PDB file of N, CA and C in Angstrom:
ATOM      1  N   MET A   1       3.773  11.933 -16.887  1.00  0.00           N
ATOM      2  CA  MET A   1       3.261  11.102 -17.954  1.00  0.00           C
ATOM      3  C   MET A   1       2.668  11.979 -19.058  1.00  0.00           C
ATOM      4  N   ALA A   2       1.992  13.025 -18.651  1.00  0.00           N
ATOM      5  CA  ALA A   2       1.401  13.904 -19.658  1.00  0.00           C
ATOM      6  C   ALA A   2       2.480  14.562 -20.516  1.00  0.00           C
ATOM      7  N   GLY A   3       3.585  14.917 -19.902  1.00  0.00           N
ATOM      8  CA  GLY A   3       4.675  15.528 -20.658  1.00  0.00           C
ATOM      9  C   GLY A   3       5.240  14.587 -21.703  1.00  0.00           C
ATOM     10  N   SER A   4       5.318  13.294 -21.370  1.00  0.00           N
ATOM     11  CA  SER A   4       5.834  12.340 -22.357  1.00  0.00           C
ATOM     12  C   SER A   4       4.859  12.179 -23.515  1.00  0.00           C
ATOM     13  N   VAL A   5       3.571  12.222 -23.235  1.00  0.00           N
ATOM     14  CA  VAL A   5       2.574  12.118 -24.305  1.00  0.00           C
ATOM     15  C   VAL A   5       2.635  13.352 -25.195  1.00  0.00           C
ATOM     16  N   PHE A   6       2.735  14.520 -24.590  1.00  0.00           N
ATOM     17  CA  PHE A   6       2.797  15.742 -25.388  1.00  0.00           C
ATOM     18  C   PHE A   6       4.067  15.801 -26.228  1.00  0.00           C
ATOM     19  N   SER A   7       5.173  15.271 -25.688  1.00  0.00           N
ATOM     20  CA  SER A   7       6.414  15.331 -26.462  1.00  0.00           C
ATOM     21  C   SER A   7       6.386  14.375 -27.649  1.00  0.00           C
ATOM     22  N   VAL A   8       5.672  13.266 -27.549  1.00  0.00           N
ATOM     23  CA  VAL A   8       5.623  12.329 -28.673  1.00  0.00           C
ATOM     24  C   VAL A   8       4.575  12.759 -29.708  1.00  0.00           C
ATOM     25  N   THR A   9       3.569  13.506 -29.284  1.00  0.00           N
ATOM     26  CA  THR A   9       2.560  13.971 -30.245  1.00  0.00           C
ATOM     27  C   THR A   9       2.957  15.304 -30.884  1.00  0.00           C
ATOM     28  N   HIS A  10       4.020  15.898 -30.402  1.00  0.00           N
ATOM     29  CA  HIS A  10       4.522  17.146 -30.968  1.00  0.00           C
ATOM     30  C   HIS A  10       5.001  16.902 -32.401  1.00  0.00           C
ATOM     31  N   GLU A  11       4.971  17.928 -33.209  1.00  0.00           N
ATOM     32  CA  GLU A  11       5.419  17.794 -34.597  1.00  0.00           C
ATOM     33  C   GLU A  11       6.730  18.520 -34.766  1.00  0.00           C
ATOM     34  N   PRO A  12       7.819  17.973 -35.012  1.00  0.00           N
ATOM     35  CA  PRO A  12       8.149  16.549 -35.100  1.00  0.00           C
ATOM     36  C   PRO A  12       8.246  15.936 -33.697  1.00  0.00           C
ATOM     37  N   PRO A  13       8.000  14.642 -33.569  1.00  0.00           N
ATOM     38  CA  PRO A  13       8.031  13.982 -32.259  1.00  0.00           C
ATOM     39  C   PRO A  13       9.423  14.029 -31.622  1.00  0.00           C
ATOM     40  N   VAL A  14       9.438  14.254 -30.345  1.00  0.00           N
ATOM     41  CA  VAL A  14      10.697  14.304 -29.584  1.00  0.00           C
ATOM     42  C   VAL A  14      10.740  13.032 -28.730  1.00  0.00           C
ATOM     43  N   TYR A  15      11.264  11.959 -29.331  1.00  0.00           N
ATOM     44  CA  TYR A  15      11.221  10.647 -28.679  1.00  0.00           C
ATOM     45  C   TYR A  15      12.105  10.575 -27.438  1.00  0.00           C
ATOM     46  N   TRP A  16      13.249  11.223 -27.477  1.00  0.00           N
ATOM     47  CA  TRP A  16      14.142  11.158 -26.316  1.00  0.00           C
ATOM     48  C   TRP A  16      13.497  11.813 -25.100  1.00  0.00           C
ATOM     49  N   LEU A  17      12.750  12.883 -25.313  1.00  0.00           N
ATOM     50  CA  LEU A  17      12.065  13.544 -24.205  1.00  0.00           C
ATOM     51  C   LEU A  17      10.909  12.679 -23.704  1.00  0.00           C
ATOM     52  N   CYS A  18      10.268  11.986 -24.626  1.00  0.00           N
ATOM     53  CA  CYS A  18       9.186  11.084 -24.247  1.00  0.00           C
ATOM     54  C   CYS A  18       9.705  10.005 -23.294  1.00  0.00           C
ATOM     55  N   VAL A  19      10.807   9.390 -23.653  1.00  0.00           N
ATOM     56  CA  VAL A  19      11.392   8.340 -22.801  1.00  0.00           C
ATOM     57  C   VAL A  19      11.866   8.934 -21.485  1.00  0.00           C
ATOM     58  N   LEU A  20      12.495  10.085 -21.547  1.00  0.00           N
ATOM     59  CA  LEU A  20      13.011  10.733 -20.346  1.00  0.00           C
ATOM     60  C   LEU A  20      11.896  11.054 -19.353  1.00  0.00           C
ATOM     61  N   LEU A  21      10.749  11.461 -19.847  1.00  0.00           N
ATOM     62  CA  LEU A  21       9.636  11.797 -18.962  1.00  0.00           C
ATOM     63  C   LEU A  21       8.788  10.578 -18.581  1.00  0.00           C
ATOM     64  N   ALA A  22       8.793   9.542 -19.398  1.00  0.00           N
ATOM     65  CA  ALA A  22       7.972   8.370 -19.116  1.00  0.00           C
ATOM     66  C   ALA A  22       8.568   7.489 -18.027  1.00  0.00           C
ATOM     67  N   VAL A  23       9.881   7.415 -17.951  1.00  0.00           N
ATOM     68  CA  VAL A  23      10.516   6.551 -16.945  1.00  0.00           C
ATOM     69  C   VAL A  23      10.131   6.968 -15.524  1.00  0.00           C
ATOM     70  N   PRO A  24      10.262   8.223 -15.133  1.00  0.00           N
ATOM     71  CA  PRO A  24       9.834   8.590 -13.775  1.00  0.00           C
ATOM     72  C   PRO A  24       8.324   8.421 -13.569  1.00  0.00           C
ATOM     73  N   ALA A  25       7.563   8.584 -14.633  1.00  0.00           N
ATOM     74  CA  ALA A  25       6.109   8.418 -14.503  1.00  0.00           C
ATOM     75  C   ALA A  25       5.761   6.971 -14.179  1.00  0.00           C
ATOM     76  N   PHE A  26       6.392   6.031 -14.868  1.00  0.00           N
ATOM     77  CA  PHE A  26       6.124   4.624 -14.576  1.00  0.00           C
ATOM     78  C   PHE A  26       6.627   4.236 -13.195  1.00  0.00           C
ATOM     79  N   ILE A  27       7.753   4.780 -12.795  1.00  0.00           N
ATOM     80  CA  ILE A  27       8.245   4.528 -11.441  1.00  0.00           C
ATOM     81  C   ILE A  27       7.252   5.085 -10.421  1.00  0.00           C
ATOM     82  N   GLY A  28       6.674   6.225 -10.729  1.00  0.00           N
ATOM     83  CA  GLY A  28       5.667   6.824  -9.852  1.00  0.00           C
ATOM     84  C   GLY A  28       4.387   6.018  -9.782  1.00  0.00           C
ATOM     85  N   TRP A  29       4.109   5.201 -10.761  1.00  0.00           N
ATOM     86  CA  TRP A  29       2.947   4.317 -10.722  1.00  0.00           C
ATOM     87  C   TRP A  29       3.242   3.038  -9.946  1.00  0.00           C
ATOM     88  N   ILE A  30       4.453   2.526 -10.093  1.00  0.00           N
ATOM     89  CA  ILE A  30       4.806   1.233  -9.521  1.00  0.00           C
ATOM     90  C   ILE A  30       5.243   1.352  -8.058  1.00  0.00           C
ATOM     91  N   LEU A  31       6.027   2.325  -7.731  1.00  0.00           N
ATOM     92  CA  LEU A  31       6.600   2.462  -6.396  1.00  0.00           C
ATOM     93  C   LEU A  31       5.557   2.582  -5.277  1.00  0.00           C
ATOM     94  N   PRO A  32       4.473   3.314  -5.440  1.00  0.00           N
ATOM     95  CA  PRO A  32       3.512   3.427  -4.343  1.00  0.00           C
ATOM     96  C   PRO A  32       2.917   2.088  -3.888  1.00  0.00           C
ATOM     97  N   TYR A  33       2.793   1.129  -4.783  1.00  0.00           N
ATOM     98  CA  TYR A  33       2.268  -0.180  -4.379  1.00  0.00           C
ATOM     99  C   TYR A  33       3.181  -0.818  -3.344  1.00  0.00           C
ATOM    100  N   PHE A  34       4.491  -0.794  -3.589  1.00  0.00           N
ATOM    101  CA  PHE A  34       5.428  -1.414  -2.662  1.00  0.00           C
ATOM    102  C   PHE A  34       5.523  -0.635  -1.350  1.00  0.00           C
ATOM    103  N   VAL A  35       5.433   0.677  -1.421  1.00  0.00           N
ATOM    104  CA  VAL A  35       5.416   1.487  -0.202  1.00  0.00           C
ATOM    105  C   VAL A  35       4.174   1.172   0.612  1.00  0.00           C
ATOM    106  N   TYR A  36       3.036   1.053  -0.039  1.00  0.00           N
ATOM    107  CA  TYR A  36       1.783   0.725   0.646  1.00  0.00           C
ATOM    108  C   TYR A  36       1.873  -0.639   1.320  1.00  0.00           C
ATOM    109  N   ARG A  37       2.392  -1.645   0.604  1.00  0.00           N
ATOM    110  CA  ARG A  37       2.515  -2.987   1.185  1.00  0.00           C
ATOM    111  C   ARG A  37       3.415  -2.962   2.417  1.00  0.00           C
ATOM    112  N   ARG A  38       4.512  -2.210   2.359  1.00  0.00           N
ATOM    113  CA  ARG A  38       5.421  -2.130   3.500  1.00  0.00           C
ATOM    114  C   ARG A  38       4.743  -1.453   4.692  1.00  0.00           C
ATOM    115  N   LEU A  39       3.980  -0.400   4.450  1.00  0.00           N
ATOM    116  CA  LEU A  39       3.277   0.282   5.531  1.00  0.00           C
ATOM    117  C   LEU A  39       2.205  -0.604   6.148  1.00  0.00           C
ATOM    118  N   VAL A  40       1.483  -1.346   5.319  1.00  0.00           N
ATOM    119  CA  VAL A  40       0.452  -2.248   5.829  1.00  0.00           C
ATOM    120  C   VAL A  40       1.076  -3.349   6.676  1.00  0.00           C
ATOM    121  N   ASP A  41       2.179  -3.912   6.219  1.00  0.00           N
ATOM    122  CA  ASP A  41       2.844  -4.970   6.981  1.00  0.00           C
ATOM    123  C   ASP A  41       3.349  -4.447   8.325  1.00  0.00           C
ATOM    124  N   ALA A  42       3.907  -3.258   8.331  1.00  0.00           N
ATOM    125  CA  ALA A  42       4.407  -2.675   9.578  1.00  0.00           C
ATOM    126  C   ALA A  42       3.263  -2.416  10.551  1.00  0.00           C
ATOM    127  N   LYS A  43       2.166  -1.897  10.050  1.00  0.00           N
ATOM    128  CA  LYS A  43       1.011  -1.606  10.910  1.00  0.00           C
ATOM    129  C   LYS A  43       0.395  -2.904  11.433  1.00  0.00           C
ATOM    130  N   THR A  44       0.352  -3.934  10.598  1.00  0.00           N
ATOM    131  CA  THR A  44      -0.193  -5.221  11.011  1.00  0.00           C
ATOM    132  C   THR A  44       0.653  -5.816  12.130  1.00  0.00           C
ATOM    133  N   ARG A  45       1.965  -5.775  11.992  1.00  0.00           N
ATOM    134  CA  ARG A  45       2.846  -6.292  13.039  1.00  0.00           C
ATOM    135  C   ARG A  45       2.683  -5.513  14.338  1.00  0.00           C
ATOM    136  N   LYS A  46       2.365  -4.238  14.249  1.00  0.00           N
ATOM    137  CA  LYS A  46       2.198  -3.410  15.440  1.00  0.00           C
ATOM    138  C   LYS A  46       0.864  -3.680  16.140  1.00  0.00           C
ATOM    139  N   VAL A  47      -0.194  -3.906  15.383  1.00  0.00           N
ATOM    140  CA  VAL A  47      -1.540  -4.026  15.936  1.00  0.00           C
ATOM    141  C   VAL A  47      -1.901  -5.475  16.297  1.00  0.00           C
ATOM    142  N   GLN A  48      -1.290  -6.447  15.658  1.00  0.00           N
ATOM    143  CA  GLN A  48      -1.657  -7.850  15.853  1.00  0.00           C
ATOM    144  C   GLN A  48      -1.571  -8.295  17.313  1.00  0.00           C
ATOM    145  N   PRO A  49      -0.534  -7.956  18.076  1.00  0.00           N
ATOM    146  CA  PRO A  49      -0.524  -8.361  19.487  1.00  0.00           C
ATOM    147  C   PRO A  49      -1.679  -7.769  20.293  1.00  0.00           C
ATOM    148  N   LEU A  50      -2.083  -6.557  19.976  1.00  0.00           N
ATOM    149  CA  LEU A  50      -3.214  -5.941  20.683  1.00  0.00           C
ATOM    150  C   LEU A  50      -4.513  -6.684  20.387  1.00  0.00           C
ATOM    151  N   ILE A  51      -4.691  -7.083  19.136  1.00  0.00           N
ATOM    152  CA  ILE A  51      -5.891  -7.820  18.747  1.00  0.00           C
ATOM    153  C   ILE A  51      -5.919  -9.176  19.447  1.00  0.00           C
ATOM    154  N   GLU A  52      -4.791  -9.855  19.486  1.00  0.00           N
ATOM    155  CA  GLU A  52      -4.741 -11.162  20.145  1.00  0.00           C
ATOM    156  C   GLU A  52      -5.002 -11.031  21.638  1.00  0.00           C
ATOM    157  N   ALA A  53      -4.500  -9.974  22.274  1.00  0.00           N
ATOM    158  CA  ALA A  53      -4.751  -9.752  23.696  1.00  0.00           C
ATOM    159  C   ALA A  53      -6.240  -9.549  23.955  1.00  0.00           C
ATOM    160  N   LYS A  54      -6.897  -8.790  23.112  1.00  0.00           N
ATOM    161  CA  LYS A  54      -8.344  -8.563  23.271  1.00  0.00           C
ATOM    162  C   LYS A  54      -9.124  -9.859  23.055  1.00  0.00           C
ATOM    163  N   GLN A  55      -8.703 -10.670  22.088  1.00  0.00           N
ATOM    164  CA  GLN A  55      -9.381 -11.941  21.856  1.00  0.00           C
ATOM    165  C   GLN A  55      -9.215 -12.872  23.047  1.00  0.00           C
ATOM    166  N   ASP A  56      -8.035 -12.884  23.661  1.00  0.00           N
ATOM    167  CA  ASP A  56      -7.830 -13.690  24.868  1.00  0.00           C
ATOM    168  C   ASP A  56      -8.704 -13.199  26.008  1.00  0.00           C
ATOM    169  N   GLU A  57      -8.828 -11.885  26.132  1.00  0.00           N
ATOM    170  CA  GLU A  57      -9.674 -11.304  27.171  1.00  0.00           C
ATOM    171  C   GLU A  57     -11.138 -11.697  26.955  1.00  0.00           C
ATOM    172  N   ILE A  58     -11.593 -11.628  25.736  1.00  0.00           N
ATOM    173  CA  ILE A  58     -12.975 -12.010  25.419  1.00  0.00           C
ATOM    174  C   ILE A  58     -13.198 -13.489  25.699  1.00  0.00           C
ATOM    175  N   TYR A  59     -12.220 -14.321  25.378  1.00  0.00           N
ATOM    176  CA  TYR A  59     -12.328 -15.755  25.620  1.00  0.00           C
ATOM    177  C   TYR A  59     -12.460 -16.038  27.116  1.00  0.00           C
ATOM    178  N   GLU A  60     -11.684 -15.350  27.947  1.00  0.00           N
ATOM    179  CA  GLU A  60     -11.758 -15.537  29.395  1.00  0.00           C
ATOM    180  C   GLU A  60     -13.122 -15.110  29.921  1.00  0.00           C
ATOM    181  N   VAL A  61     -13.640 -13.996  29.444  1.00  0.00           N
ATOM    182  CA  VAL A  61     -14.952 -13.527  29.885  1.00  0.00           C
ATOM    183  C   VAL A  61     -16.029 -14.535  29.497  1.00  0.00           C
ATOM    184  N   CYS A  62     -15.933 -15.091  28.289  1.00  0.00           N
ATOM    185  CA  CYS A  62     -16.906 -16.076  27.834  1.00  0.00           C
ATOM    186  C   CYS A  62     -16.810 -17.365  28.675  1.00  0.00           C
ATOM    187  N   GLU A  63     -15.604 -17.755  29.045  1.00  0.00           N
ATOM    188  CA  GLU A  63     -15.443 -18.931  29.907  1.00  0.00           C
ATOM    189  C   GLU A  63     -16.099 -18.691  31.269  1.00  0.00           C
ATOM    190  N   LYS A  64     -15.915 -17.526  31.842  1.00  0.00           N
ATOM    191  CA  LYS A  64     -16.539 -17.199  33.122  1.00  0.00           C
ATOM    192  C   LYS A  64     -18.059 -17.183  33.005  1.00  0.00           C
ATOM    193  N   GLY A  65     -18.566 -16.637  31.904  1.00  0.00           N
ATOM    194  CA  GLY A  65     -20.012 -16.623  31.687  1.00  0.00           C
ATOM    195  C   GLY A  65     -20.566 -18.042  31.519  1.00  0.00           C
ATOM    196  N   HIS A  66     -19.836 -18.887  30.844  1.00  0.00           N
ATOM    197  CA  HIS A  66     -20.262 -20.278  30.653  1.00  0.00           C
ATOM    198  C   HIS A  66     -20.254 -21.017  31.994  1.00  0.00           C
ATOM    199  N   ALA A  67     -19.290 -20.727  32.857  1.00  0.00           N
ATOM    200  CA  ALA A  67     -19.217 -21.378  34.157  1.00  0.00           C
ATOM    201  C   ALA A  67     -20.405 -20.958  35.035  1.00  0.00           C
ATOM    202  N   LEU A  68     -20.901 -19.751  34.862  1.00  0.00           N
ATOM    203  CA  LEU A  68     -22.047 -19.306  35.632  1.00  0.00           C
ATOM    204  C   LEU A  68     -23.342 -20.019  35.227  1.00  0.00           C
ATOM    205  N   LEU A  69     -23.427 -20.449  33.980  1.00  0.00           N
ATOM    206  CA  LEU A  69     -24.630 -21.118  33.524  1.00  0.00           C
ATOM    207  C   LEU A  69     -24.644 -22.515  34.083  1.00  0.00           C
TER     208      LEU A  69
END
């Protein structure tokens, strides 16, 4: 991104270089969001069954404790 700014502020401005350098910069800003969302979704699908198993275990322990009272 910095290269595209420097190329457009150069005297005379080099617009083709500005566009050439700006396109990958914008892709570099946008692409990480989608990669992050995909990684979060994959991790959530992996961990969710473990969380549900622990919640079921806690529920059973609480039922046993309630039966003792």
